[in-house]
Amino acid sequence: MKTGVKEKDAYHVACAIVAQCKYFITTDDRLLKYDSKDIYLVTPGEFIRRMETDL
């Protein structure tokens, strides 16, 4: 939240990290500009591209 991310968005990302999700899919530009060593923050399109290349 100190980075400007809204409280509810920060909780959603934190829950995804605690649940050990590999990806957090969002269209929120504020979230997408941050890098995390714990989870990939990606757009829906980027997620689909990554899944297609993993096949």
C-alpha atoms as a PDB file:
ATOM      1  CA  MET A   1       0.000   0.000   0.000  1.00  0.00           C
ATOM      2  CA  LYS A   2       2.947   2.348   0.559  1.00  0.00           C
ATOM      3  CA  THR A   3       3.514   2.216  -3.188  1.00  0.00           C
ATOM      4  CA  GLY A   4       0.138   3.759  -4.016  1.00  0.00           C
ATOM      5  CA  VAL A   5      -1.774   0.516  -4.467  1.00  0.00           C
ATOM      6  CA  LYS A   6      -5.255   0.680  -2.998  1.00  0.00           C
ATOM      7  CA  GLU A   7      -5.912  -1.223   0.230  1.00  0.00           C
ATOM      8  CA  LYS A   8      -8.296  -3.805  -1.242  1.00  0.00           C
ATOM      9  CA  ASP A   9      -5.954  -4.470  -4.158  1.00  0.00           C
ATOM     10  CA  ALA A  10      -3.052  -4.970  -1.737  1.00  0.00           C
ATOM     11  CA  TYR A  11      -5.131  -7.489   0.224  1.00  0.00           C
ATOM     12  CA  HIS A  12      -5.979  -9.396  -2.969  1.00  0.00           C
ATOM     13  CA  VAL A  13      -2.336  -9.647  -3.989  1.00  0.00           C
ATOM     14  CA  ALA A  14      -1.308 -10.598  -0.437  1.00  0.00           C
ATOM     15  CA  CYS A  15      -3.913 -13.382  -0.365  1.00  0.00           C
ATOM     16  CA  ALA A  16      -2.676 -14.701  -3.710  1.00  0.00           C
ATOM     17  CA  ILE A  17       0.895 -14.738  -2.380  1.00  0.00           C
ATOM     18  CA  VAL A  18      -0.142 -16.530   0.832  1.00  0.00           C
ATOM     19  CA  ALA A  19      -2.060 -19.067  -1.285  1.00  0.00           C
ATOM     20  CA  GLN A  20       1.185 -19.576  -3.248  1.00  0.00           C
ATOM     21  CA  CYS A  21      -0.363 -18.573  -6.575  1.00  0.00           C
ATOM     22  CA  LYS A  22       2.103 -18.240  -9.394  1.00  0.00           C
ATOM     23  CA  TYR A  23       0.120 -15.544 -11.234  1.00  0.00           C
ATOM     24  CA  PHE A  24      -2.104 -12.608 -10.319  1.00  0.00           C
ATOM     25  CA  ILE A  25      -4.176 -11.609 -13.338  1.00  0.00           C
ATOM     26  CA  THR A  26      -5.302  -7.985 -13.462  1.00  0.00           C
ATOM     27  CA  THR A  27      -6.029  -5.060 -15.746  1.00  0.00           C
ATOM     28  CA  ASP A  28      -5.099  -2.536 -13.040  1.00  0.00           C
ATOM     29  CA  ASP A  29      -2.223  -0.437 -14.402  1.00  0.00           C
ATOM     30  CA  ARG A  30      -1.072   0.471 -10.882  1.00  0.00           C
ATOM     31  CA  LEU A  31      -0.568  -3.181  -9.999  1.00  0.00           C
ATOM     32  CA  LEU A  32       0.992  -4.118 -13.321  1.00  0.00           C
ATOM     33  CA  LYS A  33       3.851  -1.659 -12.974  1.00  0.00           C
ATOM     34  CA  TYR A  34       5.246  -3.410  -9.885  1.00  0.00           C
ATOM     35  CA  ASP A  35       7.586  -6.370  -9.909  1.00  0.00           C
ATOM     36  CA  SER A  36       7.364  -9.043  -7.271  1.00  0.00           C
ATOM     37  CA  LYS A  37       9.695 -11.902  -6.500  1.00  0.00           C
ATOM     38  CA  ASP A  38       6.711 -13.791  -5.059  1.00  0.00           C
ATOM     39  CA  ILE A  39       4.130 -13.631  -7.866  1.00  0.00           C
ATOM     40  CA  TYR A  40       3.785 -12.625 -11.515  1.00  0.00           C
ATOM     41  CA  LEU A  41       1.451  -9.656 -12.033  1.00  0.00           C
ATOM     42  CA  VAL A  42       0.105 -10.067 -15.570  1.00  0.00           C
ATOM     43  CA  THR A  43      -2.707  -8.976 -17.867  1.00  0.00           C
ATOM     44  CA  PRO A  44      -5.241 -11.565 -19.035  1.00  0.00           C
ATOM     45  CA  GLY A  45      -3.655 -11.537 -22.504  1.00  0.00           C
ATOM     46  CA  GLU A  46      -0.154 -12.012 -21.142  1.00  0.00           C
ATOM     47  CA  PHE A  47      -1.371 -14.895 -18.978  1.00  0.00           C
ATOM     48  CA  ILE A  48      -2.883 -16.641 -22.019  1.00  0.00           C
ATOM     49  CA  ARG A  49       0.333 -16.157 -24.011  1.00  0.00           C
ATOM     50  CA  ARG A  50       2.394 -17.621 -21.171  1.00  0.00           C
ATOM     51  CA  MET A  51       0.072 -20.622 -20.870  1.00  0.00           C
ATOM     52  CA  GLU A  52       0.235 -21.245 -24.622  1.00  0.00           C
ATOM     53  CA  THR A  53       4.032 -21.240 -24.608  1.00  0.00           C
ATOM     54  CA  ASP A  54       4.123 -23.652 -21.635  1.00  0.00           C
ATOM     55  CA  LEU A  55       2.283 -26.333 -23.629  1.00  0.00           C
END
